Amino acid sequence: MSQMLEKVVHITGITAEDVWIYLQDIPATQMIEFGRFLPAPGDEAEWEKEMTPEKRSGLPD
Protein backbone atom coordinates (compact mmCIF):
# COMPACT_ATOMS: atom_id res chain seq x y z
CA MET A 1 0.00 0.00 0.00
CA SER A 2 2.85 2.39 0.82
CA GLN A 3 4.40 1.83 -2.60
CA MET A 4 1.05 2.44 -4.26
CA LEU A 5 0.66 5.67 -2.33
CA GLU A 6 4.14 6.81 -3.32
CA LYS A 7 3.47 6.06 -6.99
CA VAL A 8 0.12 7.89 -6.98
CA VAL A 9 1.72 10.94 -5.36
CA HIS A 10 4.62 10.87 -7.81
CA ILE A 11 2.49 10.39 -10.93
CA THR A 12 -0.27 12.85 -10.06
CA GLY A 13 1.79 15.48 -8.27
CA ILE A 14 -0.70 15.72 -5.39
CA THR A 15 0.17 15.33 -1.74
CA ALA A 16 -0.21 12.04 0.10
CA GLU A 17 -2.81 13.75 2.26
CA ASP A 18 -5.05 14.06 -0.80
CA VAL A 19 -4.92 10.35 -1.73
CA TRP A 20 -7.56 7.85 -0.69
CA ILE A 21 -7.00 4.19 -1.45
CA TYR A 22 -9.48 1.46 -0.59
CA LEU A 23 -8.69 -2.12 -1.58
CA GLN A 24 -11.43 -4.65 -1.20
CA ASP A 25 -11.68 -8.27 -2.27
CA ILE A 26 -15.02 -8.62 -4.07
CA PRO A 27 -16.12 -11.92 -5.61
CA ALA A 28 -16.57 -11.87 -9.39
CA THR A 29 -20.24 -12.76 -8.88
CA GLN A 30 -20.72 -9.30 -7.35
CA MET A 31 -19.16 -7.29 -10.18
CA ILE A 32 -20.39 -6.48 -13.67
CA GLU A 33 -18.22 -5.16 -16.49
CA PHE A 34 -19.30 -4.68 -20.09
CA GLY A 35 -22.83 -5.64 -19.09
CA ARG A 36 -21.95 -9.09 -17.73
CA PHE A 37 -20.81 -10.61 -14.48
CA LEU A 38 -17.06 -11.03 -14.32
CA PRO A 39 -15.74 -14.52 -15.03
CA ALA A 40 -14.34 -16.88 -12.45
CA PRO A 41 -10.53 -16.91 -12.27
CA GLY A 42 -9.19 -18.80 -15.28
CA ASP A 43 -12.30 -18.18 -17.42
CA GLU A 44 -11.28 -14.70 -18.63
CA ALA A 45 -10.41 -15.73 -22.20
CA GLU A 46 -13.78 -17.39 -22.77
CA TRP A 47 -15.56 -14.40 -21.20
CA GLU A 48 -13.71 -12.00 -23.48
CA LYS A 49 -14.59 -14.08 -26.57
CA GLU A 50 -18.28 -13.39 -25.85
CA MET A 51 -17.74 -9.63 -26.28
CA THR A 52 -18.61 -8.01 -29.57
CA PRO A 53 -15.66 -7.56 -31.93
CA GLU A 54 -16.13 -3.79 -31.64
CA LYS A 55 -15.78 -3.88 -27.87
CA ARG A 56 -12.77 -6.22 -27.97
CA SER A 57 -11.00 -4.00 -30.50
CA GLY A 58 -11.24 -1.06 -28.12
CA LEU A 59 -9.54 -2.90 -25.24
CA PRO A 60 -5.83 -2.41 -24.54
CA ASP A 61 -3.58 -5.29 -25.55
C-alpha atoms as a PDB file:
ATOM      1  CA  MET A   1       0.000   0.000   0.000  1.00  0.00           C
ATOM      2  CA  SER A   2       2.846   2.388   0.815  1.00  0.00           C
ATOM      3  CA  GLN A   3       4.398   1.832  -2.604  1.00  0.00           C
ATOM      4  CA  MET A   4       1.051   2.436  -4.257  1.00  0.00           C
ATOM      5  CA  LEU A   5       0.656   5.672  -2.328  1.00  0.00           C
ATOM      6  CA  GLU A   6       4.140   6.808  -3.323  1.00  0.00           C
ATOM      7  CA  LYS A   7       3.466   6.059  -6.994  1.00  0.00           C
ATOM      8  CA  VAL A   8       0.121   7.893  -6.978  1.00  0.00           C
ATOM      9  CA  VAL A   9       1.716  10.940  -5.364  1.00  0.00           C
ATOM     10  CA  HIS A  10       4.619  10.873  -7.812  1.00  0.00           C
ATOM     11  CA  ILE A  11       2.490  10.386 -10.926  1.00  0.00           C
ATOM     12  CA  THR A  12      -0.267  12.846 -10.059  1.00  0.00           C
ATOM     13  CA  GLY A  13       1.787  15.484  -8.273  1.00  0.00           C
ATOM     14  CA  ILE A  14      -0.696  15.721  -5.395  1.00  0.00           C
ATOM     15  CA  THR A  15       0.171  15.328  -1.742  1.00  0.00           C
ATOM     16  CA  ALA A  16      -0.206  12.036   0.104  1.00  0.00           C
ATOM     17  CA  GLU A  17      -2.809  13.746   2.262  1.00  0.00           C
ATOM     18  CA  ASP A  18      -5.049  14.055  -0.802  1.00  0.00           C
ATOM     19  CA  VAL A  19      -4.923  10.351  -1.733  1.00  0.00           C
ATOM     20  CA  TRP A  20      -7.565   7.850  -0.685  1.00  0.00           C
ATOM     21  CA  ILE A  21      -6.999   4.187  -1.446  1.00  0.00           C
ATOM     22  CA  TYR A  22      -9.476   1.457  -0.588  1.00  0.00           C
ATOM     23  CA  LEU A  23      -8.694  -2.120  -1.579  1.00  0.00           C
ATOM     24  CA  GLN A  24     -11.430  -4.655  -1.205  1.00  0.00           C
ATOM     25  CA  ASP A  25     -11.682  -8.266  -2.269  1.00  0.00           C
ATOM     26  CA  ILE A  26     -15.016  -8.618  -4.067  1.00  0.00           C
ATOM     27  CA  PRO A  27     -16.115 -11.921  -5.614  1.00  0.00           C
ATOM     28  CA  ALA A  28     -16.568 -11.867  -9.391  1.00  0.00           C
ATOM     29  CA  THR A  29     -20.236 -12.761  -8.878  1.00  0.00           C
ATOM     30  CA  GLN A  30     -20.721  -9.303  -7.350  1.00  0.00           C
ATOM     31  CA  MET A  31     -19.163  -7.289 -10.181  1.00  0.00           C
ATOM     32  CA  ILE A  32     -20.390  -6.479 -13.666  1.00  0.00           C
ATOM     33  CA  GLU A  33     -18.220  -5.158 -16.494  1.00  0.00           C
ATOM     34  CA  PHE A  34     -19.295  -4.684 -20.086  1.00  0.00           C
ATOM     35  CA  GLY A  35     -22.830  -5.644 -19.092  1.00  0.00           C
ATOM     36  CA  ARG A  36     -21.946  -9.091 -17.734  1.00  0.00           C
ATOM     37  CA  PHE A  37     -20.809 -10.612 -14.484  1.00  0.00           C
ATOM     38  CA  LEU A  38     -17.064 -11.034 -14.320  1.00  0.00           C
ATOM     39  CA  PRO A  39     -15.735 -14.520 -15.027  1.00  0.00           C
ATOM     40  CA  ALA A  40     -14.342 -16.881 -12.449  1.00  0.00           C
ATOM     41  CA  PRO A  41     -10.534 -16.911 -12.270  1.00  0.00           C
ATOM     42  CA  GLY A  42      -9.193 -18.800 -15.277  1.00  0.00           C
ATOM     43  CA  ASP A  43     -12.302 -18.176 -17.419  1.00  0.00           C
ATOM     44  CA  GLU A  44     -11.283 -14.701 -18.629  1.00  0.00           C
ATOM     45  CA  ALA A  45     -10.413 -15.734 -22.195  1.00  0.00           C
ATOM     46  CA  GLU A  46     -13.780 -17.386 -22.770  1.00  0.00           C
ATOM     47  CA  TRP A  47     -15.559 -14.405 -21.195  1.00  0.00           C
ATOM     48  CA  GLU A  48     -13.707 -11.996 -23.480  1.00  0.00           C
ATOM     49  CA  LYS A  49     -14.591 -14.078 -26.572  1.00  0.00           C
ATOM     50  CA  GLU A  50     -18.282 -13.386 -25.850  1.00  0.00           C
ATOM     51  CA  MET A  51     -17.745  -9.627 -26.281  1.00  0.00           C
ATOM     52  CA  THR A  52     -18.614  -8.014 -29.568  1.00  0.00           C
ATOM     53  CA  PRO A  53     -15.660  -7.561 -31.933  1.00  0.00           C
ATOM     54  CA  GLU A  54     -16.130  -3.791 -31.637  1.00  0.00           C
ATOM     55  CA  LYS A  55     -15.784  -3.877 -27.867  1.00  0.00           C
ATOM     56  CA  ARG A  56     -12.770  -6.222 -27.969  1.00  0.00           C
ATOM     57  CA  SER A  57     -11.000  -4.003 -30.501  1.00  0.00           C
ATOM     58  CA  GLY A  58     -11.244  -1.064 -28.116  1.00  0.00           C
ATOM     59  CA  LEU A  59      -9.544  -2.896 -25.240  1.00  0.00           C
ATOM     60  CA  PRO A  60      -5.831  -2.414 -24.542  1.00  0.00           C
ATOM     61  CA  ASP A  61      -3.576  -5.293 -25.547  1.00  0.00           C
END
